[in-house]
Amino acid sequence: MLLVLNTLFWCVPLYILAIIKLLMPTHRLRLGVLKGLNRIALAWIATNNWWIRHWLKPRFDIHLPDDLSPDAWWLILVNHRSWTDIFILQFALYGHTPMPRFFLKRQLIWIPVIGFAWWALEFPFMRRYSREHLARDPGLAQRDLETTRRMCESAQELPMAIYNFAEGTRFTSAKHSAQQSPYNHLLKPKAGGSAQVIHLLGARLAGIIDITLDYRQSSTSFWAFLCGRSDDISLYARRLDIPDWMIGGDYSSDMMYKERFQAWLNALWHDKDRLLSRCSG
């Protein structure tokens, strides 16, 4: 109930500003309205954090680096377990990083109330075609790349924290088995979205924040979280510098760069898997 009331309350001014943004005749004016939309979204996050802290009283074990900034640009790579992930990340990173954006399945734009809010805030909606569709029409992949490009153009002017759940879907034992994942606790990561963000934002990024979420001692159910029935949930974050070789590379056309980027991301996922194995031990 608190989540619903908070969302409905802040959606009123957000919808008003979203309509004003549509009517703005210039990019500079639309950018000014987007700043106001960001402040409303951050107020929604702050209010959520308040009732989560004082009502649910979750047992979060949060480890953050000291050198984060809300005035810088960040790419955040994180494993994906549940809708709860978003609220944990926003709780942990509020005040340490700028307004978050994350990749969404295009179908989510039809969720009542918040689908329009995500659209107004210029979240990237991805189509995520199946391999069979891409094999029949390889040009479909360019649509998601174009969506990422538009988000990164906006990010050139406003600090942004781009959340990328590189596995592309929530972890389940069935998905883990179907993928024949080489990791004990994770699905295989997808490199294309991260590579595109680094290609488009380049040196503007202050770094990569590698986050590992550990639910092993708790339920991953979002409903259990909202009911205050979640146990210990751990978040481990570390800041990584972007290697020089990544800047300026073209993931879509340079096969050597693509293989090197995939190898780098796979190594990062092996590090996550080892961390989760140590925690579970």
Protein backbone atom coordinates (compact mmCIF):
# COMPACT_ATOMS: atom_id res chain seq x y z
CA MET A 1 0.00 0.00 0.00
CA LEU A 2 2.83 2.41 0.82
CA LEU A 3 4.49 1.67 -2.53
CA VAL A 4 1.23 2.23 -4.43
CA LEU A 5 0.41 5.47 -2.60
CA ASN A 6 3.93 6.83 -3.05
CA THR A 7 3.87 5.99 -6.76
CA LEU A 8 0.46 7.58 -7.35
CA PHE A 9 1.46 10.70 -5.40
CA TRP A 10 4.63 11.40 -7.40
CA CYS A 11 3.10 10.38 -10.72
CA VAL A 12 0.78 13.41 -10.63
CA PRO A 13 3.56 16.04 -11.00
CA LEU A 14 5.55 13.66 -13.20
CA TYR A 15 2.66 13.29 -15.67
CA ILE A 16 2.16 17.06 -15.76
CA LEU A 17 5.83 17.66 -16.53
CA ALA A 18 5.83 14.83 -19.09
CA ILE A 19 3.03 16.57 -21.02
CA ILE A 20 4.85 19.89 -20.78
CA LYS A 21 8.00 18.18 -22.11
CA LEU A 22 6.09 16.99 -25.18
CA LEU A 23 5.08 20.60 -25.90
CA MET A 24 8.55 22.11 -25.57
CA PRO A 25 9.73 23.44 -28.95
CA THR A 26 13.51 23.11 -28.41
CA HIS A 27 15.94 20.50 -27.14
CA ARG A 28 17.25 22.88 -24.44
CA LEU A 29 13.78 23.38 -23.01
CA ARG A 30 13.02 19.65 -23.11
CA LEU A 31 16.29 19.02 -21.29
CA GLY A 32 15.27 21.47 -18.57
CA VAL A 33 11.97 19.65 -18.09
CA LEU A 34 13.81 16.29 -18.01
CA LYS A 35 15.88 17.62 -15.10
CA GLY A 36 12.61 18.28 -13.26
CA LEU A 37 11.38 14.77 -14.10
CA ASN A 38 14.61 13.36 -12.68
CA ARG A 39 14.12 15.27 -9.42
CA ILE A 40 10.60 13.84 -9.09
CA ALA A 41 11.89 10.31 -9.71
CA LEU A 42 14.62 10.79 -7.10
CA ALA A 43 11.99 12.03 -4.63
CA TRP A 44 10.00 8.83 -5.32
CA ILE A 45 13.13 6.78 -4.58
CA ALA A 46 13.87 8.76 -1.40
CA THR A 47 10.33 8.22 -0.12
CA ASN A 48 10.51 4.51 -0.90
CA ASN A 49 13.82 4.31 0.96
CA TRP A 50 12.23 5.99 3.99
CA TRP A 51 9.37 3.51 4.38
CA ILE A 52 11.62 0.55 3.52
CA ARG A 53 14.04 1.60 6.26
CA HIS A 54 11.41 2.38 8.92
CA TRP A 55 8.60 -0.03 8.05
CA LEU A 56 10.14 -3.13 6.48
CA LYS A 57 13.45 -2.78 8.35
CA PRO A 58 15.31 -5.17 6.02
CA ARG A 59 18.64 -6.67 6.96
CA PHE A 60 20.83 -5.37 4.15
CA ASP A 61 24.58 -5.95 4.20
CA ILE A 62 25.86 -3.22 1.85
CA HIS A 63 29.47 -2.74 0.80
CA LEU A 64 30.17 0.34 -1.35
CA PRO A 65 33.43 1.93 -2.50
CA ASP A 66 34.18 5.37 -1.06
CA ASP A 67 34.84 7.20 -4.34
CA LEU A 68 31.38 7.25 -5.91
CA SER A 69 29.72 10.54 -6.95
CA PRO A 70 26.19 11.62 -7.88
CA ASP A 71 27.71 14.12 -10.33
CA ALA A 72 29.48 11.54 -12.49
CA TRP A 73 28.45 9.04 -15.16
CA TRP A 74 28.49 5.32 -14.29
CA LEU A 75 27.83 1.98 -15.93
CA ILE A 76 26.57 -0.46 -13.29
CA LEU A 77 26.83 -4.19 -14.00
CA VAL A 78 24.79 -6.43 -11.73
CA ASN A 79 23.43 -9.96 -11.57
CA HIS A 80 19.65 -10.31 -11.69
CA ARG A 81 17.49 -12.32 -9.30
CA SER A 82 14.22 -10.48 -8.69
CA TRP A 83 12.23 -7.25 -8.95
CA THR A 84 13.61 -6.69 -5.46
CA ASP A 85 16.98 -5.97 -7.11
CA ILE A 86 15.83 -2.52 -8.24
CA PHE A 87 14.74 -1.44 -4.77
CA ILE A 88 17.94 -2.73 -3.16
CA LEU A 89 20.09 -0.91 -5.72
CA GLN A 90 18.14 2.32 -5.31
CA PHE A 91 18.31 2.00 -1.53
CA ALA A 92 22.08 1.38 -1.53
CA LEU A 93 23.13 3.87 -4.24
CA TYR A 94 20.82 6.81 -3.46
CA GLY A 95 23.00 9.88 -2.94
CA HIS A 96 26.09 8.04 -4.18
CA THR A 97 25.20 7.93 -7.89
CA PRO A 98 22.94 10.06 -10.12
CA MET A 99 19.46 9.28 -11.45
CA PRO A 100 19.35 5.63 -12.53
CA ARG A 101 18.29 4.28 -15.91
CA PHE A 102 18.00 0.60 -16.75
CA PHE A 103 17.16 -1.45 -19.81
CA LEU A 104 13.55 -2.66 -19.88
CA LYS A 105 11.69 -5.20 -21.94
CA ARG A 106 9.48 -3.32 -24.37
CA GLN A 107 6.34 -5.08 -23.05
CA LEU A 108 6.80 -3.30 -19.70
CA ILE A 109 5.78 0.04 -21.24
CA TRP A 110 2.17 -1.19 -20.91
CA ILE A 111 2.32 -1.55 -17.11
CA PRO A 112 -0.27 0.87 -15.70
CA VAL A 113 1.07 4.15 -14.30
CA ILE A 114 4.78 3.33 -14.17
CA GLY A 115 5.10 2.31 -17.84
CA PHE A 116 4.35 5.89 -18.89
CA ALA A 117 6.65 7.20 -16.16
CA TRP A 118 9.54 5.12 -17.49
CA TRP A 119 8.83 6.40 -20.99
CA ALA A 120 8.72 10.03 -19.83
CA LEU A 121 12.04 9.56 -18.02
CA GLU A 122 13.54 8.18 -21.25
CA PHE A 123 14.31 4.69 -20.01
CA PRO A 124 15.46 2.46 -22.89
CA PHE A 125 12.87 -0.14 -23.92
CA MET A 126 14.50 -3.14 -25.61
CA ARG A 127 12.73 -5.53 -27.98
CA ARG A 128 15.01 -8.55 -27.30
CA TYR A 129 14.32 -10.65 -30.35
CA SER A 130 14.84 -14.40 -30.27
CA ARG A 131 17.81 -15.93 -32.06
CA GLU A 132 15.41 -17.32 -34.66
CA HIS A 133 14.05 -13.83 -35.44
CA LEU A 134 17.56 -12.38 -35.65
CA ALA A 135 18.68 -15.18 -37.94
CA ARG A 136 15.80 -14.39 -40.32
CA ASP A 137 16.33 -10.62 -40.14
CA PRO A 138 19.73 -9.54 -38.70
CA GLY A 139 18.73 -5.90 -39.10
CA LEU A 140 16.37 -6.22 -36.13
CA ALA A 141 19.36 -6.05 -33.78
CA GLN A 142 19.96 -2.47 -34.90
CA ARG A 143 16.69 -1.38 -33.27
CA ASP A 144 17.99 -2.09 -29.76
CA LEU A 145 21.31 -0.46 -30.64
CA GLU A 146 19.44 2.65 -31.77
CA THR A 147 17.49 2.71 -28.47
CA THR A 148 20.76 2.55 -26.52
CA ARG A 149 22.24 5.29 -28.71
CA ARG A 150 19.34 7.66 -27.95
CA MET A 151 19.69 7.06 -24.20
CA CYS A 152 23.43 7.73 -24.33
CA GLU A 153 22.87 10.96 -26.28
CA SER A 154 20.69 12.17 -23.41
CA ALA A 155 23.33 10.99 -20.94
CA GLN A 156 25.92 13.24 -22.56
CA GLU A 157 24.20 16.23 -20.94
CA LEU A 158 22.90 14.87 -17.63
CA PRO A 159 24.83 12.63 -15.22
CA MET A 160 23.33 9.17 -15.24
CA ALA A 161 23.80 5.75 -13.66
CA ILE A 162 23.01 3.11 -16.26
CA TYR A 163 22.03 -0.20 -14.65
CA ASN A 164 22.68 -3.20 -16.86
CA PHE A 165 21.45 -6.62 -15.76
CA ALA A 166 23.76 -8.32 -18.21
CA GLU A 167 22.15 -11.76 -17.86
CA GLY A 168 19.08 -10.28 -19.55
CA THR A 169 16.62 -12.21 -17.39
CA ARG A 170 16.08 -13.23 -13.78
CA PHE A 171 17.99 -16.26 -12.52
CA THR A 172 16.08 -19.51 -12.07
CA SER A 173 17.34 -23.06 -11.76
CA ALA A 174 15.46 -23.99 -14.94
CA LYS A 175 17.11 -21.20 -16.96
CA HIS A 176 20.49 -22.09 -15.46
CA SER A 177 20.08 -25.70 -16.57
CA ALA A 178 18.73 -24.81 -20.03
CA GLN A 179 21.70 -22.50 -20.67
CA GLN A 180 24.20 -25.04 -19.37
CA SER A 181 25.72 -22.04 -17.63
CA PRO A 182 29.41 -22.41 -16.70
CA TYR A 183 28.72 -20.53 -13.45
CA ASN A 184 27.38 -22.06 -10.26
CA HIS A 185 25.15 -19.15 -9.22
CA LEU A 186 24.71 -17.04 -12.37
CA LEU A 187 23.39 -17.10 -15.91
CA LYS A 188 25.56 -16.27 -18.91
CA PRO A 189 26.08 -12.50 -19.35
CA LYS A 190 25.34 -10.67 -22.58
CA ALA A 191 27.97 -8.15 -23.63
CA GLY A 192 26.28 -6.11 -26.37
CA GLY A 193 24.47 -3.54 -24.21
CA SER A 194 27.48 -2.76 -22.02
CA ALA A 195 29.79 -2.49 -25.03
CA GLN A 196 27.38 -0.10 -26.73
CA VAL A 197 27.16 2.15 -23.65
CA ILE A 198 30.96 2.31 -23.36
CA HIS A 199 31.29 2.96 -27.11
CA LEU A 200 28.82 5.86 -27.00
CA LEU A 201 29.77 7.47 -23.68
CA GLY A 202 33.47 6.62 -23.75
CA ALA A 203 35.68 8.78 -21.57
CA ARG A 204 32.66 10.55 -20.05
CA LEU A 205 32.10 7.48 -17.85
CA ALA A 206 33.80 7.82 -14.48
CA GLY A 207 34.02 4.04 -14.30
CA ILE A 208 32.14 0.79 -14.00
CA ILE A 209 30.46 -0.23 -10.74
CA ASP A 210 30.45 -4.01 -10.50
CA ILE A 211 27.69 -5.13 -8.11
CA THR A 212 26.99 -8.63 -6.87
CA LEU A 213 23.66 -9.32 -5.15
CA ASP A 214 23.55 -12.29 -2.79
CA TYR A 215 20.14 -13.69 -1.82
CA ARG A 216 21.38 -17.09 -0.65
CA GLN A 217 20.10 -16.54 2.88
CA SER A 218 16.81 -14.98 1.76
CA SER A 219 13.83 -15.37 -0.56
CA THR A 220 14.14 -13.60 -3.92
CA SER A 221 10.37 -13.03 -4.02
CA PHE A 222 9.38 -9.38 -4.40
CA TRP A 223 6.17 -10.10 -2.46
CA ALA A 224 8.16 -11.56 0.44
CA PHE A 225 10.30 -8.39 0.44
CA LEU A 226 7.23 -6.11 0.53
CA CYS A 227 5.78 -8.20 3.37
CA GLY A 228 8.97 -7.80 5.40
CA ARG A 229 9.74 -11.51 5.22
CA SER A 230 13.13 -11.25 3.53
CA ASP A 231 16.17 -12.25 5.55
CA ASP A 232 19.75 -11.08 5.02
CA ILE A 233 20.46 -9.72 1.53
CA SER A 234 24.02 -8.69 0.69
CA LEU A 235 25.26 -6.19 -1.89
CA TYR A 236 28.94 -6.06 -2.78
CA ALA A 237 30.09 -3.21 -5.03
CA ARG A 238 33.49 -2.36 -6.42
CA ARG A 239 34.58 0.39 -8.78
CA LEU A 240 36.46 -0.61 -11.93
CA ASP A 241 38.34 1.68 -14.27
CA ILE A 242 37.45 1.29 -17.93
CA PRO A 243 40.42 -0.28 -19.76
CA ASP A 244 41.92 1.93 -22.46
CA TRP A 245 41.31 -0.70 -25.14
CA MET A 246 37.53 -0.46 -24.60
CA ILE A 247 37.31 3.24 -25.51
CA GLY A 248 36.46 3.74 -29.17
CA GLY A 249 35.94 0.05 -29.94
CA ASP A 250 33.08 -1.09 -32.17
CA TYR A 251 31.41 -4.21 -30.79
CA SER A 252 29.06 -4.62 -33.75
CA SER A 253 31.67 -4.67 -36.53
CA ASP A 254 35.08 -5.50 -35.00
CA MET A 255 35.20 -9.25 -34.31
CA MET A 256 38.48 -9.11 -32.36
CA TYR A 257 37.08 -6.35 -30.12
CA LYS A 258 33.85 -8.32 -29.67
CA GLU A 259 35.70 -11.45 -28.56
CA ARG A 260 37.94 -9.46 -26.20
CA PHE A 261 34.96 -7.68 -24.64
CA GLN A 262 33.08 -10.95 -24.17
CA ALA A 263 36.15 -12.52 -22.55
CA TRP A 264 36.46 -9.53 -20.19
CA LEU A 265 32.78 -9.76 -19.18
CA ASN A 266 32.97 -13.54 -18.71
CA ALA A 267 36.00 -13.08 -16.44
CA LEU A 268 34.01 -10.51 -14.43
CA TRP A 269 31.18 -13.02 -14.08
CA HIS A 270 33.61 -15.71 -12.91
CA ASP A 271 34.75 -13.27 -10.20
CA LYS A 272 31.12 -12.78 -9.15
CA ASP A 273 30.54 -16.51 -9.08
CA ARG A 274 33.59 -17.09 -6.87
CA LEU A 275 32.40 -14.33 -4.50
CA LEU A 276 28.97 -15.93 -4.23
CA SER A 277 30.56 -19.33 -3.64
CA ARG A 278 32.68 -17.94 -0.81
CA CYS A 279 29.66 -16.25 0.73
CA SER A 280 27.60 -19.41 0.59
CA GLY A 281 30.43 -21.36 2.13
